Amino acid sequence: MGEESMTASMEKKGSKQSNSSLSGFAAVVSGLLERLPYGKLTLYQPDGEKLVYGREHSVHGKEHPRGRYVEAQIKVLDNNFFSRVVMFGHIGFAESFMDGEWQTDDVASVVAWFLLNLSDNPLLEGTGNKSILVNALGALNQLLHLFKFNNKDNSRKNISYHYDLSNDLFELFLDETMTYSSARFSDDWLLSLKDAQISKYEALCRKLKLKEGDSLLEIGCGWGGFAQYAVSKYRIKYTGITISKEQLAYAEKAFEKLPELSGLFEFKLIDYRDMKRAMKPEGYDKIVSIEMIEAVGDEYYDAYFAKIDELLAEDGLAAIQMITCPDNRYDLIRKNTDFIQKHIFPGSLLPCLHRISKATSLTRLSLFEVEDLGNSYAKTLFTWQERFEAQLKKVGELGFDQVFVRKWRYYLSYCAAAFAMRNISVVQAVYSRPNNLNLCHSSFLERFAAPKNFESIGEVII
């Protein structure tokens, strides 16, 4: 076997020998997996035969710099797995897991192995390296996704599909703040989930330079976690908007238990596009939106930032926490449909920073600062998954079946691996406008405002 050969065997050497015992779809899948060079994937067939894929060593027996980091295993329980992978690519792979046709001790490691081999992976959407059949069937999924584009009616349906599942379900794995977005472990990796979420909230408040009496609009208020923190600590005048009836009811009920904050908050069931400057002629001092932009869609990014520009006071600040994809993969991701879009968040799309810059360039907004929290999101998701797995009995008591459990196990693991492997990330970006003197250092303002002695100006020599 040559230096560049990969192992794919039943404890044997050489890929040809392994494929000789395979037929049909299984042989096709094995051939695809043999093209993936990094790390190690062990696949057990339904009859117990063992196949190993990946390059454990490179030239002269030295470990490949990537390969030693990711090792995963799959146990195929039903041969239908192979046909679904061939016909439906990575969506078929996920759906096969949902239906119990394969299992693993760690879904995240399996996803990480495929991500490690992304450029050589014909099963993942957005690589430009798929089989003709996967491309054709992917077009069908994309057509279904297009019917869920985010006009106002579809936005309500898309949000309801996920966020209105059951408040009781989300309470099982979220922390006490009911925060369904990345926590911030940047300052202390050992923080509890609740404390890391509070760290995220405080970071946003600090970046917004929030102070008592400020008016703040939150676009996509969730279950009201940020609202409770910001109003309680900073005594601001808060307005939160959502199109989720379940979240609205939960947030309002939570504030009923805080009578000391009466008059400082309001929640509205309204689409951000229906907010008008006339509702608050002076504009909001601060605007925040935490992982809501993923539900906006490419065709509405311009409108989203135009609305923020319209509603923000002249010297205001806007902070957006958003999940992002790499600039060079955005168009491929936009044109394809993945597992998340089909089964978890219909109508969703991860923006890239370049596309966001194009949208803000059509407004008076300009980027003031940005912080990356990608590693924090990976830890957040792994923590959510651990909490979810610990509550499976209660998940069942809420009426969710095993297909749902496996779907969510795959969803949380899939996302955690993507963040951990740095294929996607999350950032806190703050926007302002030119000549916002609130951002000018006090020493500069003192200099500019100091009285000038024109008599002391000497003759200018040119």
Protein backbone atom coordinates (compact mmCIF):
# COMPACT_ATOMS: atom_id res chain seq x y z
CA MET A 1 0.00 0.00 0.00
CA GLY A 2 1.43 3.40 -1.05
CA GLU A 3 2.23 6.29 1.23
CA GLU A 4 -0.99 8.10 0.29
CA SER A 5 -3.29 5.07 0.66
CA MET A 6 -6.20 5.16 3.09
CA THR A 7 -7.44 2.23 5.08
CA ALA A 8 -10.94 0.88 4.46
CA SER A 9 -11.07 -2.72 5.51
CA MET A 10 -12.51 -5.51 7.58
CA GLU A 11 -9.32 -5.52 9.64
CA LYS A 12 -7.56 -5.90 6.26
CA LYS A 13 -5.30 -3.73 4.14
CA GLY A 14 -6.48 -1.98 0.99
CA SER A 15 -9.77 -0.39 -0.05
CA LYS A 16 -10.32 -2.67 -3.03
CA GLN A 17 -10.51 -5.73 -0.81
CA SER A 18 -13.11 -4.07 1.42
CA ASN A 19 -15.33 -3.03 -1.48
CA SER A 20 -15.29 -6.50 -2.99
CA SER A 21 -17.63 -7.65 -0.23
CA LEU A 22 -19.93 -4.65 -0.63
CA SER A 23 -22.63 -4.15 -3.20
CA GLY A 24 -25.05 -1.50 -4.38
CA PHE A 25 -25.53 1.56 -2.23
CA ALA A 26 -23.14 0.31 0.46
CA ALA A 27 -20.32 0.16 -2.07
CA VAL A 28 -21.14 3.69 -3.26
CA VAL A 29 -21.04 5.06 0.29
CA SER A 30 -17.79 3.24 0.99
CA GLY A 31 -16.29 4.71 -2.17
CA LEU A 32 -17.31 8.20 -1.07
CA LEU A 33 -15.88 7.75 2.40
CA GLU A 34 -12.58 6.49 1.01
CA ARG A 35 -12.08 9.95 -0.51
CA LEU A 36 -11.98 11.61 2.91
CA PRO A 37 -8.38 11.68 4.11
CA TYR A 38 -8.29 13.24 7.58
CA GLY A 39 -8.93 11.70 10.97
CA LYS A 40 -10.41 8.26 11.49
CA LEU A 41 -13.95 6.94 11.04
CA THR A 42 -14.81 3.37 11.99
CA LEU A 43 -18.03 2.06 10.44
CA TYR A 44 -19.69 -1.16 11.58
CA GLN A 45 -22.07 -2.71 9.05
CA PRO A 46 -25.31 -4.46 10.11
CA ASP A 47 -23.58 -7.86 9.76
CA GLY A 48 -20.81 -6.73 12.13
CA GLU A 49 -18.12 -6.18 9.50
CA LYS A 50 -15.80 -3.31 10.35
CA LEU A 51 -14.57 -0.67 7.89
CA VAL A 52 -12.04 2.02 8.77
CA TYR A 53 -11.75 5.26 6.80
CA GLY A 54 -9.25 8.09 6.94
CA ARG A 55 -5.52 8.42 7.07
CA GLU A 56 -4.08 7.57 10.47
CA HIS A 57 -0.54 8.39 9.34
CA SER A 58 1.02 10.39 6.54
CA VAL A 59 4.42 10.25 4.87
CA HIS A 60 7.08 8.20 6.68
CA GLY A 61 4.70 7.22 9.48
CA LYS A 62 4.32 10.72 10.90
CA GLU A 63 0.85 11.63 12.11
CA HIS A 64 -1.08 13.94 9.84
CA PRO A 65 -1.37 17.37 11.53
CA ARG A 66 -5.19 17.23 11.32
CA GLY A 67 -5.86 13.53 11.39
CA ARG A 68 -4.91 12.83 14.98
CA TYR A 69 -7.52 15.19 16.39
CA VAL A 70 -10.79 13.62 15.25
CA GLU A 71 -11.86 10.01 15.67
CA ALA A 72 -15.45 8.78 15.33
CA GLN A 73 -17.45 5.62 14.89
CA ILE A 74 -20.79 4.66 13.38
CA LYS A 75 -22.79 1.47 13.84
CA VAL A 76 -25.20 0.91 10.95
CA LEU A 77 -28.32 -0.95 12.11
CA ASP A 78 -30.31 -0.94 8.85
CA ASN A 79 -29.03 -1.21 5.28
CA ASN A 80 -31.54 1.48 4.32
CA PHE A 81 -28.93 3.88 5.74
CA PHE A 82 -26.78 3.44 2.63
CA SER A 83 -29.52 4.23 0.10
CA ARG A 84 -30.61 7.32 2.04
CA VAL A 85 -27.07 8.66 2.14
CA VAL A 86 -26.58 8.11 -1.60
CA MET A 87 -29.93 9.61 -2.55
CA PHE A 88 -30.21 12.47 -0.07
CA GLY A 89 -26.65 13.29 0.99
CA HIS A 90 -26.13 14.76 4.43
CA ILE A 91 -29.86 15.37 4.96
CA GLY A 92 -30.47 11.67 4.31
CA PHE A 93 -27.61 10.92 6.72
CA ALA A 94 -29.34 12.97 9.44
CA GLU A 95 -32.80 11.60 8.72
CA SER A 96 -31.43 8.07 8.85
CA PHE A 97 -30.15 8.83 12.36
CA MET A 98 -33.53 10.26 13.34
CA ASP A 99 -35.18 7.01 12.23
CA GLY A 100 -32.73 4.89 14.22
CA GLU A 101 -30.94 3.35 11.23
CA TRP A 102 -27.50 4.10 12.67
CA GLN A 103 -26.11 5.02 16.06
CA THR A 104 -22.92 6.31 17.62
CA ASP A 105 -21.50 7.06 21.03
CA ASP A 106 -20.90 10.70 20.04
CA VAL A 107 -22.77 12.41 17.20
CA ALA A 108 -20.60 15.53 17.53
CA SER A 109 -17.43 13.55 16.77
CA VAL A 110 -19.06 12.06 13.66
CA VAL A 111 -20.07 15.51 12.43
CA ALA A 112 -16.61 16.87 13.30
CA TRP A 113 -15.00 14.13 11.19
CA PHE A 114 -17.07 15.09 8.16
CA LEU A 115 -16.38 18.79 8.74
CA LEU A 116 -12.66 18.10 8.99
CA ASN A 117 -12.92 16.66 5.48
CA LEU A 118 -15.28 19.37 4.22
CA SER A 119 -13.42 20.21 1.01
CA ASP A 120 -13.33 16.52 0.05
CA ASN A 121 -16.83 15.67 1.27
CA PRO A 122 -19.45 14.97 -1.42
CA LEU A 123 -22.16 14.47 1.21
CA LEU A 124 -22.14 17.99 2.64
CA GLU A 125 -24.07 20.78 0.96
CA GLY A 126 -22.11 23.81 -0.10
CA THR A 127 -18.92 21.99 -1.12
CA GLY A 128 -19.53 22.08 -4.86
CA ASN A 129 -18.28 18.47 -4.94
CA LYS A 130 -21.47 16.42 -4.81
CA SER A 131 -22.73 13.57 -6.96
CA ILE A 132 -25.27 14.31 -9.71
CA LEU A 133 -27.97 12.49 -7.73
CA VAL A 134 -27.28 14.41 -4.54
CA ASN A 135 -27.38 17.66 -6.53
CA ALA A 136 -30.73 16.74 -8.10
CA LEU A 137 -32.40 15.74 -4.85
CA GLY A 138 -30.84 18.72 -3.11
CA ALA A 139 -32.69 20.91 -5.60
CA LEU A 140 -35.97 19.45 -4.32
CA ASN A 141 -35.08 20.33 -0.72
CA GLN A 142 -34.09 23.80 -1.85
CA LEU A 143 -37.43 24.25 -3.60
CA LEU A 144 -39.23 23.33 -0.37
CA HIS A 145 -37.00 25.79 1.51
CA LEU A 146 -37.85 28.59 -0.91
CA PHE A 147 -41.54 28.23 -0.08
CA LYS A 148 -40.58 29.18 3.50
CA PHE A 149 -38.93 32.51 2.63
CA ASN A 150 -39.41 35.12 5.32
CA ASN A 151 -42.26 37.34 4.29
CA LYS A 152 -44.43 38.34 7.25
CA ASP A 153 -46.82 35.38 7.07
CA ASN A 154 -44.05 32.81 6.63
CA SER A 155 -41.92 34.41 9.35
CA ARG A 156 -44.70 33.84 11.88
CA LYS A 157 -45.10 30.22 10.76
CA ASN A 158 -41.34 29.58 10.71
CA ILE A 159 -40.82 31.02 14.19
CA SER A 160 -43.83 29.18 15.57
CA TYR A 161 -42.53 25.86 14.16
CA HIS A 162 -39.58 25.95 16.54
CA TYR A 163 -40.11 28.43 19.36
CA ASP A 164 -43.72 27.51 20.05
CA LEU A 165 -42.94 23.80 20.44
CA SER A 166 -43.37 23.94 24.21
CA ASN A 167 -42.10 26.34 26.83
CA ASP A 168 -41.88 23.33 29.13
CA LEU A 169 -39.48 21.63 26.70
CA PHE A 170 -37.09 24.58 26.63
CA GLU A 171 -37.22 24.88 30.41
CA LEU A 172 -35.77 21.36 30.64
CA PHE A 173 -32.39 22.26 29.15
CA LEU A 174 -32.03 26.05 29.26
CA ASP A 175 -30.76 27.77 32.41
CA GLU A 176 -32.93 29.78 34.79
CA THR A 177 -32.72 32.88 32.57
CA MET A 178 -34.44 30.96 29.73
CA THR A 179 -31.79 32.19 27.31
CA TYR A 180 -31.70 30.40 23.95
CA SER A 181 -28.57 31.95 22.48
CA SER A 182 -24.84 31.65 23.01
CA ALA A 183 -23.52 32.28 26.48
CA ARG A 184 -20.19 34.07 26.97
CA PHE A 185 -17.39 32.06 28.59
CA SER A 186 -14.66 34.41 27.33
CA ASP A 187 -13.67 35.71 30.78
CA ASP A 188 -14.02 32.42 32.66
CA TRP A 189 -14.30 29.04 30.95
CA LEU A 190 -15.51 27.45 34.20
CA LEU A 191 -18.59 29.64 34.65
CA SER A 192 -21.95 27.97 35.15
CA LEU A 193 -24.32 28.23 32.20
CA LYS A 194 -26.44 30.81 34.02
CA ASP A 195 -23.45 32.96 34.95
CA ALA A 196 -22.10 32.73 31.39
CA GLN A 197 -25.46 33.92 30.04
CA ILE A 198 -25.39 36.83 32.48
CA SER A 199 -21.83 37.56 31.30
CA LYS A 200 -23.19 37.75 27.76
CA TYR A 201 -25.96 40.13 28.83
CA GLU A 202 -23.55 42.36 30.73
CA ALA A 203 -21.15 42.45 27.77
CA LEU A 204 -23.98 43.69 25.54
CA CYS A 205 -25.06 46.29 28.09
CA ARG A 206 -21.48 47.49 28.46
CA LYS A 207 -20.97 47.73 24.70
CA LEU A 208 -24.24 49.65 24.39
CA LYS A 209 -23.01 51.99 27.15
CA LEU A 210 -26.40 51.43 28.76
CA LYS A 211 -27.40 53.83 31.53
CA GLU A 212 -30.45 54.55 33.65
CA GLY A 213 -33.27 56.15 31.71
CA ASP A 214 -32.15 54.94 28.29
CA SER A 215 -34.86 53.72 25.96
CA LEU A 216 -34.01 50.33 24.50
CA LEU A 217 -35.69 48.25 21.80
CA GLU A 218 -35.01 44.51 21.63
CA ILE A 219 -35.83 42.94 18.27
CA GLY A 220 -36.68 39.33 19.06
CA CYS A 221 -37.11 39.37 22.84
CA GLY A 222 -37.24 35.60 23.35
CA TRP A 223 -38.52 34.61 26.79
CA GLY A 224 -37.44 37.93 28.28
CA GLY A 225 -34.09 36.99 29.82
CA PHE A 226 -32.18 40.02 28.57
CA ALA A 227 -35.12 42.26 29.41
CA GLN A 228 -35.15 41.16 33.05
CA TYR A 229 -31.40 41.65 33.40
CA ALA A 230 -31.18 45.04 31.69
CA VAL A 231 -34.28 46.56 33.28
CA SER A 232 -33.42 45.29 36.77
CA LYS A 233 -29.81 46.46 36.74
CA TYR A 234 -29.95 49.62 34.62
CA ARG A 235 -33.54 50.85 35.17
CA ILE A 236 -34.01 51.47 31.47
CA LYS A 237 -37.25 51.94 29.52
CA TYR A 238 -37.49 48.66 27.64
CA THR A 239 -39.55 47.62 24.61
CA GLY A 240 -39.36 44.03 23.40
CA ILE A 241 -40.92 42.72 20.19
CA THR A 242 -41.52 39.16 19.03
CA ILE A 243 -43.73 37.20 16.64
CA SER A 244 -43.85 34.16 18.94
CA LYS A 245 -47.06 34.03 20.98
CA GLU A 246 -45.60 31.47 23.38
CA GLN A 247 -42.54 33.60 24.11
CA LEU A 248 -44.62 36.75 24.51
CA ALA A 249 -46.90 35.10 27.06
CA TYR A 250 -43.94 33.68 28.98
CA ALA A 251 -42.08 37.03 29.10
CA GLU A 252 -45.14 38.97 30.25
CA LYS A 253 -45.89 36.42 32.97
CA ALA A 254 -42.28 36.55 34.20
CA PHE A 255 -42.47 40.34 34.62
CA GLU A 256 -45.75 40.04 36.54
CA LYS A 257 -43.61 38.61 39.34
CA LEU A 258 -41.47 41.79 39.36
CA PRO A 259 -43.87 44.57 40.37
CA GLU A 260 -40.96 46.86 41.24
CA LEU A 261 -40.23 47.10 37.50
CA SER A 262 -43.75 48.14 36.57
CA GLY A 263 -43.80 50.92 34.00
CA LEU A 264 -40.27 50.23 32.79
CA PHE A 265 -41.09 47.61 30.16
CA GLU A 266 -43.52 46.64 27.42
CA PHE A 267 -43.74 43.67 25.07
CA LYS A 268 -45.36 43.70 21.66
CA LEU A 269 -46.43 40.94 19.28
CA ILE A 270 -45.26 42.63 16.09
CA ASP A 271 -42.97 42.02 13.13
CA TYR A 272 -39.91 44.28 13.12
CA ARG A 273 -40.93 45.49 9.65
CA ASP A 274 -44.14 46.95 11.10
CA MET A 275 -42.32 49.10 13.65
CA LYS A 276 -42.49 52.80 12.69
CA ARG A 277 -40.45 55.81 13.79
CA ALA A 278 -43.76 57.55 14.47
CA MET A 279 -44.28 55.13 17.38
CA LYS A 280 -41.29 56.81 19.05
CA PRO A 281 -40.44 60.01 17.16
CA GLU A 282 -37.19 60.65 19.03
CA GLY A 283 -35.97 57.13 18.30
CA TYR A 284 -34.58 54.52 20.68
CA ASP A 285 -31.32 55.32 22.46
CA LYS A 286 -30.22 51.70 22.15
CA ILE A 287 -31.29 48.71 20.04
CA VAL A 288 -30.30 45.11 20.68
CA SER A 289 -31.05 41.93 18.74
CA ILE A 290 -29.71 38.61 19.98
CA GLU A 291 -29.55 35.83 17.38
CA MET A 292 -32.71 36.91 15.62
CA ILE A 293 -31.05 37.87 12.34
CA GLU A 294 -30.66 34.18 11.43
CA ALA A 295 -34.43 34.17 10.81
CA VAL A 296 -34.34 37.24 8.55
CA GLY A 297 -33.11 35.76 5.26
CA ASP A 298 -30.92 37.16 2.51
CA GLU A 299 -33.76 38.98 0.76
CA TYR A 300 -34.58 40.95 3.94
CA TYR A 301 -31.15 41.87 5.36
CA ASP A 302 -31.31 45.29 3.72
CA ALA A 303 -34.77 45.94 5.18
CA TYR A 304 -33.67 44.71 8.61
CA PHE A 305 -30.77 47.16 8.89
CA ALA A 306 -32.78 49.95 7.26
CA LYS A 307 -35.37 49.48 10.00
CA ILE A 308 -32.69 49.63 12.71
CA ASP A 309 -31.35 52.82 11.11
CA GLU A 310 -34.86 54.27 11.06
CA LEU A 311 -35.66 53.45 14.69
CA LEU A 312 -32.29 54.32 16.27
CA ALA A 313 -31.82 57.76 17.82
CA GLU A 314 -29.20 59.97 16.16
CA ASP A 315 -26.49 59.26 18.73
CA GLY A 316 -27.73 55.77 19.51
CA LEU A 317 -25.97 52.41 19.51
CA ALA A 318 -27.18 49.06 18.16
CA ALA A 319 -25.74 45.70 19.23
CA ILE A 320 -26.42 42.60 17.15
CA GLN A 321 -25.41 39.10 18.27
CA MET A 322 -25.42 36.92 15.17
CA ILE A 323 -24.31 33.50 14.04
CA THR A 324 -22.12 33.81 10.95
CA CYS A 325 -20.69 31.63 8.22
CA PRO A 326 -17.44 32.22 6.29
CA ASP A 327 -17.67 34.85 3.56
CA ASN A 328 -16.36 32.45 0.92
CA ARG A 329 -19.08 29.86 1.63
CA TYR A 330 -22.07 32.16 1.97
CA ASP A 331 -23.38 31.88 -1.60
CA LEU A 332 -23.12 28.09 -1.56
CA ILE A 333 -24.91 27.91 1.78
CA ARG A 334 -27.56 30.37 0.61
CA LYS A 335 -28.29 28.30 -2.49
CA ASN A 336 -28.59 24.99 -0.65
CA THR A 337 -30.72 23.54 2.14
CA ASP A 338 -29.27 21.81 5.17
CA PHE A 339 -30.62 19.69 8.02
CA ILE A 340 -31.20 22.74 10.25
CA GLN A 341 -33.28 24.55 7.64
CA LYS A 342 -35.38 21.49 6.85
CA HIS A 343 -35.99 20.10 10.34
CA ILE A 344 -35.19 22.74 12.99
CA PHE A 345 -35.41 26.36 11.77
CA PRO A 346 -37.44 26.66 8.54
CA GLY A 347 -36.53 29.76 6.57
CA SER A 348 -33.28 30.30 8.45
CA LEU A 349 -29.97 31.40 6.95
CA LEU A 350 -26.63 32.23 8.53
CA PRO A 351 -25.30 35.56 7.25
CA CYS A 352 -21.66 36.30 6.57
CA LEU A 353 -20.01 39.52 7.67
CA HIS A 354 -19.49 40.62 4.06
CA ARG A 355 -23.24 40.38 3.34
CA ILE A 356 -24.00 42.26 6.54
CA SER A 357 -21.54 44.98 5.52
CA LYS A 358 -23.34 45.32 2.19
CA ALA A 359 -26.64 45.77 4.01
CA THR A 360 -25.31 48.36 6.47
CA SER A 361 -23.60 50.25 3.63
CA LEU A 362 -27.09 51.18 2.41
CA THR A 363 -27.73 52.93 5.74
CA ARG A 364 -25.91 55.50 7.88
CA LEU A 365 -24.81 52.77 10.28
CA SER A 366 -21.15 51.89 10.64
CA LEU A 367 -19.41 49.10 12.55
CA PHE A 368 -17.98 50.29 15.86
CA GLU A 369 -16.69 47.04 17.40
CA VAL A 370 -17.01 43.27 17.08
CA GLU A 371 -16.24 40.31 19.36
CA ASP A 372 -16.10 36.64 18.35
CA LEU A 373 -17.73 34.09 20.69
CA GLY A 374 -17.47 30.94 18.60
CA ASN A 375 -15.86 28.76 21.26
CA SER A 376 -18.40 29.97 23.80
CA TYR A 377 -21.23 28.76 21.58
CA ALA A 378 -19.70 25.30 21.24
CA LYS A 379 -19.57 25.03 25.03
CA THR A 380 -23.10 26.39 25.35
CA LEU A 381 -24.44 23.77 22.95
CA PHE A 382 -22.58 20.90 24.59
CA THR A 383 -24.02 22.05 27.93
CA TRP A 384 -27.53 22.23 26.49
CA GLN A 385 -27.13 18.73 25.10
CA GLU A 386 -26.00 17.34 28.46
CA ARG A 387 -28.98 18.95 30.16
CA PHE A 388 -31.35 17.69 27.44
CA GLU A 389 -30.04 14.12 27.73
CA ALA A 390 -30.47 14.24 31.50
CA GLN A 391 -34.17 15.06 31.07
CA LEU A 392 -35.20 12.45 28.48
CA LYS A 393 -37.86 10.95 30.73
CA LYS A 394 -39.53 14.34 31.11
CA VAL A 395 -39.17 15.00 27.37
CA GLY A 396 -41.18 11.83 26.79
CA GLU A 397 -43.77 12.86 29.38
CA LEU A 398 -44.30 16.07 27.37
CA GLY A 399 -45.38 13.90 24.43
CA PHE A 400 -42.22 13.92 22.31
CA ASP A 401 -41.28 10.57 20.74
CA GLN A 402 -37.90 8.93 20.12
CA VAL A 403 -37.65 10.34 16.59
CA PHE A 404 -37.90 13.82 18.10
CA VAL A 405 -35.29 12.96 20.73
CA ARG A 406 -32.84 11.71 18.09
CA LYS A 407 -33.56 14.75 15.92
CA TRP A 408 -32.67 17.09 18.77
CA ARG A 409 -29.67 15.02 19.77
CA TYR A 410 -28.42 15.37 16.20
CA TYR A 411 -29.31 19.08 16.06
CA LEU A 412 -27.46 20.05 19.24
CA SER A 413 -24.44 17.88 18.36
CA TYR A 414 -24.37 19.08 14.74
CA CYS A 415 -24.28 22.73 15.81
CA ALA A 416 -21.79 22.17 18.63
CA ALA A 417 -19.36 20.46 16.26
CA ALA A 418 -19.73 23.21 13.65
CA PHE A 419 -18.81 25.89 16.20
CA ALA A 420 -16.05 23.83 17.80
CA MET A 421 -14.46 23.15 14.40
CA ARG A 422 -14.77 26.86 13.51
CA ASN A 423 -16.92 26.23 10.45
CA ILE A 424 -19.38 28.80 11.78
CA SER A 425 -19.13 31.36 14.54
CA VAL A 426 -21.09 33.92 16.51
CA VAL A 427 -20.22 37.57 17.02
CA GLN A 428 -21.42 40.58 18.95
CA ALA A 429 -21.28 43.54 16.57
CA VAL A 430 -21.97 47.12 17.64
CA TYR A 431 -23.11 49.79 15.18
CA SER A 432 -23.22 53.55 15.45
CA ARG A 433 -23.14 56.56 13.14
CA PRO A 434 -20.36 59.04 12.34
CA ASN A 435 -20.04 62.01 14.70
CA ASN A 436 -21.50 60.16 17.67
CA LEU A 437 -19.78 62.17 20.38
CA ASN A 438 -20.80 59.63 23.01
CA LEU A 439 -18.05 57.45 21.56
CA CYS A 440 -15.43 60.18 21.47
CA HIS A 441 -12.77 60.03 24.20
CA SER A 442 -13.25 62.76 26.80
CA SER A 443 -9.74 64.13 26.26
CA PHE A 444 -10.55 64.85 22.62
CA LEU A 445 -13.80 66.57 23.53
CA GLU A 446 -11.97 68.72 26.08
CA ARG A 447 -9.42 69.68 23.46
CA PHE A 448 -12.03 70.55 20.84
CA ALA A 449 -14.16 72.50 23.34
CA ALA A 450 -11.31 74.44 25.00
CA PRO A 451 -11.35 78.23 24.45
CA LYS A 452 -9.02 79.28 21.66
CA ASN A 453 -6.71 82.33 21.98
CA PHE A 454 -6.64 83.70 18.49
CA GLU A 455 -4.24 86.52 19.46
CA SER A 456 -1.56 83.93 20.26
CA ILE A 457 -1.67 82.47 16.79
CA GLY A 458 1.54 83.46 15.08
CA GLU A 459 2.07 84.17 11.43
CA VAL A 460 1.67 81.06 9.38
CA ILE A 461 4.76 80.43 7.32
CA ILE A 462 4.13 78.44 4.16
